[in-house]
Amino acid sequence: MAENVICPICKSEAEAINVGLFDGVGFRCKTHGEFEVADSALAMHKDTEATRWEAALRSAKDRAKATQETWPRITTYDFR
């Protein structure tokens, strides 16, 4: 059974996805799709507004596409 978590972007209920050995959390959100967030980004940006989170997700998606990663991975660097 999937664990329910809260999407850090839109604050709606999401499903946790297994990210393997990655130090972070994987999300399956009805609005934002599947993505990963590093623990450090979650800790540093837990109160950051949704527009900045969405920009970070776009940055992570661009990087994932270029590197052919399975899911976009948001890190602290995506909030610059």
N, C-alpha and C. Protein backbone atom coordinates (compact mmCIF):
# COMPACT_ATOMS: atom_id res chain seq x y z
N MET A 1 0.84 -1.19 0.00
CA MET A 1 0.00 0.00 0.00
C MET A 1 0.89 1.25 0.00
N ALA A 2 0.53 2.25 -0.77
CA ALA A 2 1.32 3.47 -0.89
C ALA A 2 1.10 4.37 0.31
N GLU A 3 2.16 5.02 0.71
CA GLU A 3 2.09 5.97 1.81
C GLU A 3 1.65 7.33 1.26
N ASN A 4 0.76 8.01 1.99
CA ASN A 4 0.34 9.34 1.58
C ASN A 4 1.25 10.38 2.21
N VAL A 5 1.61 11.36 1.42
CA VAL A 5 2.45 12.47 1.84
C VAL A 5 1.82 13.76 1.32
N ILE A 6 2.39 14.88 1.68
CA ILE A 6 1.90 16.17 1.21
C ILE A 6 2.88 16.73 0.17
N CYS A 7 2.36 17.10 -0.98
CA CYS A 7 3.18 17.69 -2.03
C CYS A 7 3.78 19.00 -1.51
N PRO A 8 5.11 19.17 -1.60
CA PRO A 8 5.72 20.41 -1.11
C PRO A 8 5.38 21.62 -1.98
N ILE A 9 4.88 21.38 -3.18
CA ILE A 9 4.59 22.48 -4.10
C ILE A 9 3.18 23.03 -3.86
N CYS A 10 2.17 22.16 -3.94
CA CYS A 10 0.78 22.63 -3.86
C CYS A 10 0.10 22.29 -2.53
N LYS A 11 0.81 21.57 -1.66
CA LYS A 11 0.31 21.20 -0.33
C LYS A 11 -0.91 20.29 -0.38
N SER A 12 -1.13 19.61 -1.50
CA SER A 12 -2.23 18.65 -1.59
C SER A 12 -1.71 17.26 -1.26
N GLU A 13 -2.63 16.32 -1.03
CA GLU A 13 -2.22 14.96 -0.74
C GLU A 13 -1.59 14.34 -1.98
N ALA A 14 -0.49 13.62 -1.76
CA ALA A 14 0.23 12.95 -2.84
C ALA A 14 0.59 11.55 -2.35
N GLU A 15 1.14 10.78 -3.24
CA GLU A 15 1.58 9.42 -2.92
C GLU A 15 3.10 9.40 -2.88
N ALA A 16 3.67 8.76 -1.88
CA ALA A 16 5.12 8.60 -1.82
C ALA A 16 5.54 7.53 -2.82
N ILE A 17 6.61 7.78 -3.54
CA ILE A 17 7.14 6.78 -4.46
C ILE A 17 8.54 6.40 -4.01
N ASN A 18 8.91 5.16 -4.27
CA ASN A 18 10.21 4.64 -3.87
C ASN A 18 11.30 5.25 -4.73
N VAL A 19 12.29 5.87 -4.10
CA VAL A 19 13.37 6.51 -4.83
C VAL A 19 14.69 5.77 -4.67
N GLY A 20 14.62 4.56 -4.15
CA GLY A 20 15.84 3.76 -4.01
C GLY A 20 16.77 4.33 -2.96
N LEU A 21 18.04 4.46 -3.30
CA LEU A 21 19.05 4.91 -2.35
C LEU A 21 19.18 6.42 -2.26
N PHE A 22 18.37 7.15 -2.97
CA PHE A 22 18.40 8.61 -2.96
C PHE A 22 18.03 9.15 -1.59
N ASP A 23 18.75 10.18 -1.14
CA ASP A 23 18.51 10.82 0.16
C ASP A 23 17.44 11.89 0.00
N GLY A 24 16.20 11.46 -0.09
CA GLY A 24 15.10 12.38 -0.29
C GLY A 24 13.79 11.64 -0.37
N VAL A 25 12.78 12.32 -0.89
CA VAL A 25 11.43 11.78 -0.96
C VAL A 25 10.94 11.85 -2.40
N GLY A 26 10.26 10.81 -2.83
CA GLY A 26 9.62 10.81 -4.14
C GLY A 26 8.14 11.08 -3.98
N PHE A 27 7.58 11.87 -4.89
CA PHE A 27 6.18 12.26 -4.82
C PHE A 27 5.47 11.90 -6.12
N ARG A 28 4.22 11.50 -6.02
CA ARG A 28 3.32 11.35 -7.17
C ARG A 28 2.12 12.23 -6.84
N CYS A 29 2.10 13.42 -7.43
CA CYS A 29 1.07 14.43 -7.16
C CYS A 29 0.13 14.50 -8.36
N LYS A 30 -1.16 14.64 -8.11
CA LYS A 30 -2.13 14.75 -9.20
C LYS A 30 -1.88 16.00 -10.04
N THR A 31 -1.35 17.04 -9.44
CA THR A 31 -1.10 18.29 -10.15
C THR A 31 0.29 18.34 -10.78
N HIS A 32 1.31 17.89 -10.04
CA HIS A 32 2.70 18.07 -10.48
C HIS A 32 3.38 16.81 -10.99
N GLY A 33 2.69 15.70 -10.97
CA GLY A 33 3.27 14.46 -11.50
C GLY A 33 4.26 13.82 -10.55
N GLU A 34 5.19 13.05 -11.12
CA GLU A 34 6.18 12.33 -10.34
C GLU A 34 7.48 13.11 -10.32
N PHE A 35 8.03 13.27 -9.11
CA PHE A 35 9.29 13.97 -8.94
C PHE A 35 9.88 13.61 -7.59
N GLU A 36 11.17 13.89 -7.45
CA GLU A 36 11.89 13.64 -6.21
C GLU A 36 12.35 14.97 -5.63
N VAL A 37 12.48 15.01 -4.31
CA VAL A 37 13.00 16.21 -3.66
C VAL A 37 14.06 15.77 -2.65
N ALA A 38 15.23 16.36 -2.73
CA ALA A 38 16.30 16.07 -1.78
C ALA A 38 15.87 16.51 -0.38
N ASP A 39 16.28 15.74 0.64
CA ASP A 39 15.96 16.09 2.02
C ASP A 39 16.41 17.51 2.36
N SER A 40 17.57 17.91 1.85
CA SER A 40 18.08 19.26 2.14
C SER A 40 17.17 20.34 1.56
N ALA A 41 16.63 20.10 0.36
CA ALA A 41 15.71 21.07 -0.25
C ALA A 41 14.40 21.14 0.53
N LEU A 42 13.91 19.99 0.99
CA LEU A 42 12.69 19.98 1.80
C LEU A 42 12.89 20.77 3.08
N ALA A 43 14.03 20.58 3.73
CA ALA A 43 14.30 21.25 5.00
C ALA A 43 14.49 22.76 4.81
N MET A 44 15.24 23.14 3.80
CA MET A 44 15.55 24.56 3.59
C MET A 44 14.39 25.36 3.00
N HIS A 45 13.50 24.69 2.26
CA HIS A 45 12.47 25.42 1.52
C HIS A 45 11.05 25.00 1.89
N LYS A 46 10.87 24.46 3.09
CA LYS A 46 9.54 23.99 3.48
C LYS A 46 8.50 25.11 3.49
N ASP A 47 8.92 26.35 3.72
CA ASP A 47 7.98 27.47 3.76
C ASP A 47 8.07 28.36 2.52
N THR A 48 8.75 27.89 1.50
CA THR A 48 8.91 28.66 0.26
C THR A 48 7.60 28.63 -0.53
N GLU A 49 7.29 29.74 -1.16
CA GLU A 49 6.02 29.86 -1.90
C GLU A 49 6.00 28.91 -3.11
N ALA A 50 4.79 28.57 -3.50
CA ALA A 50 4.55 27.58 -4.56
C ALA A 50 5.19 28.00 -5.89
N THR A 51 5.20 29.28 -6.21
CA THR A 51 5.77 29.71 -7.50
C THR A 51 7.26 29.40 -7.58
N ARG A 52 7.97 29.52 -6.47
CA ARG A 52 9.40 29.18 -6.47
C ARG A 52 9.59 27.67 -6.55
N TRP A 53 8.70 26.89 -5.90
CA TRP A 53 8.76 25.43 -6.00
C TRP A 53 8.51 25.00 -7.45
N GLU A 54 7.53 25.63 -8.10
CA GLU A 54 7.22 25.27 -9.48
C GLU A 54 8.39 25.61 -10.41
N ALA A 55 9.07 26.72 -10.15
CA ALA A 55 10.26 27.06 -10.94
C ALA A 55 11.36 26.04 -10.71
N ALA A 56 11.52 25.59 -9.47
CA ALA A 56 12.52 24.57 -9.14
C ALA A 56 12.19 23.26 -9.85
N LEU A 57 10.90 22.91 -9.91
CA LEU A 57 10.49 21.69 -10.60
C LEU A 57 10.78 21.80 -12.10
N ARG A 58 10.53 22.96 -12.70
CA ARG A 58 10.84 23.15 -14.13
C ARG A 58 12.34 22.96 -14.38
N SER A 59 13.16 23.52 -13.49
CA SER A 59 14.60 23.36 -13.60
C SER A 59 15.00 21.89 -13.50
N ALA A 60 14.41 21.18 -12.55
CA ALA A 60 14.70 19.76 -12.35
C ALA A 60 14.23 18.94 -13.56
N LYS A 61 13.10 19.31 -14.14
CA LYS A 61 12.60 18.60 -15.32
C LYS A 61 13.54 18.79 -16.51
N ASP A 62 14.04 20.01 -16.68
CA ASP A 62 14.98 20.27 -17.77
C ASP A 62 16.24 19.43 -17.60
N ARG A 63 16.75 19.38 -16.37
CA ARG A 63 17.95 18.61 -16.10
C ARG A 63 17.70 17.11 -16.30
N ALA A 64 16.54 16.62 -15.84
CA ALA A 64 16.21 15.20 -15.98
C ALA A 64 16.11 14.81 -17.46
N LYS A 65 15.54 15.69 -18.24
CA LYS A 65 15.41 15.41 -19.68
C LYS A 65 16.79 15.34 -20.33
N ALA A 66 17.67 16.26 -19.95
CA ALA A 66 19.01 16.30 -20.53
C ALA A 66 19.85 15.09 -20.12
N THR A 67 19.63 14.59 -18.91
CA THR A 67 20.44 13.47 -18.40
C THR A 67 19.71 12.14 -18.47
N GLN A 68 18.48 12.16 -18.97
CA GLN A 68 17.65 10.97 -19.13
C GLN A 68 17.39 10.25 -17.80
N GLU A 69 17.19 11.04 -16.73
CA GLU A 69 16.83 10.50 -15.43
C GLU A 69 15.36 10.05 -15.47
N THR A 70 15.01 9.14 -14.58
CA THR A 70 13.64 8.65 -14.51
C THR A 70 12.68 9.74 -14.09
N TRP A 71 13.01 10.45 -13.01
CA TRP A 71 12.16 11.52 -12.48
C TRP A 71 12.98 12.78 -12.27
N PRO A 72 12.34 13.93 -12.37
CA PRO A 72 13.03 15.17 -12.01
C PRO A 72 13.38 15.12 -10.52
N ARG A 73 14.54 15.64 -10.19
CA ARG A 73 15.01 15.65 -8.80
C ARG A 73 15.30 17.08 -8.38
N ILE A 74 14.46 17.62 -7.50
CA ILE A 74 14.64 18.98 -7.01
C ILE A 74 15.70 18.98 -5.91
N THR A 75 16.70 19.85 -6.08
CA THR A 75 17.74 20.03 -5.06
C THR A 75 17.74 21.50 -4.63
N THR A 76 18.55 21.82 -3.66
CA THR A 76 18.63 23.22 -3.20
C THR A 76 19.09 24.14 -4.32
N TYR A 77 19.89 23.64 -5.26
CA TYR A 77 20.39 24.45 -6.37
C TYR A 77 19.29 24.91 -7.31
N ASP A 78 18.15 24.22 -7.32
CA ASP A 78 17.06 24.60 -8.19
C ASP A 78 16.28 25.83 -7.70
N PHE A 79 16.60 26.30 -6.51
CA PHE A 79 15.91 27.47 -5.95
C PHE A 79 16.68 28.76 -6.16
N ARG A 80 17.70 28.76 -6.98
CA ARG A 80 18.49 29.97 -7.22
C ARG A 80 17.79 30.92 -8.13
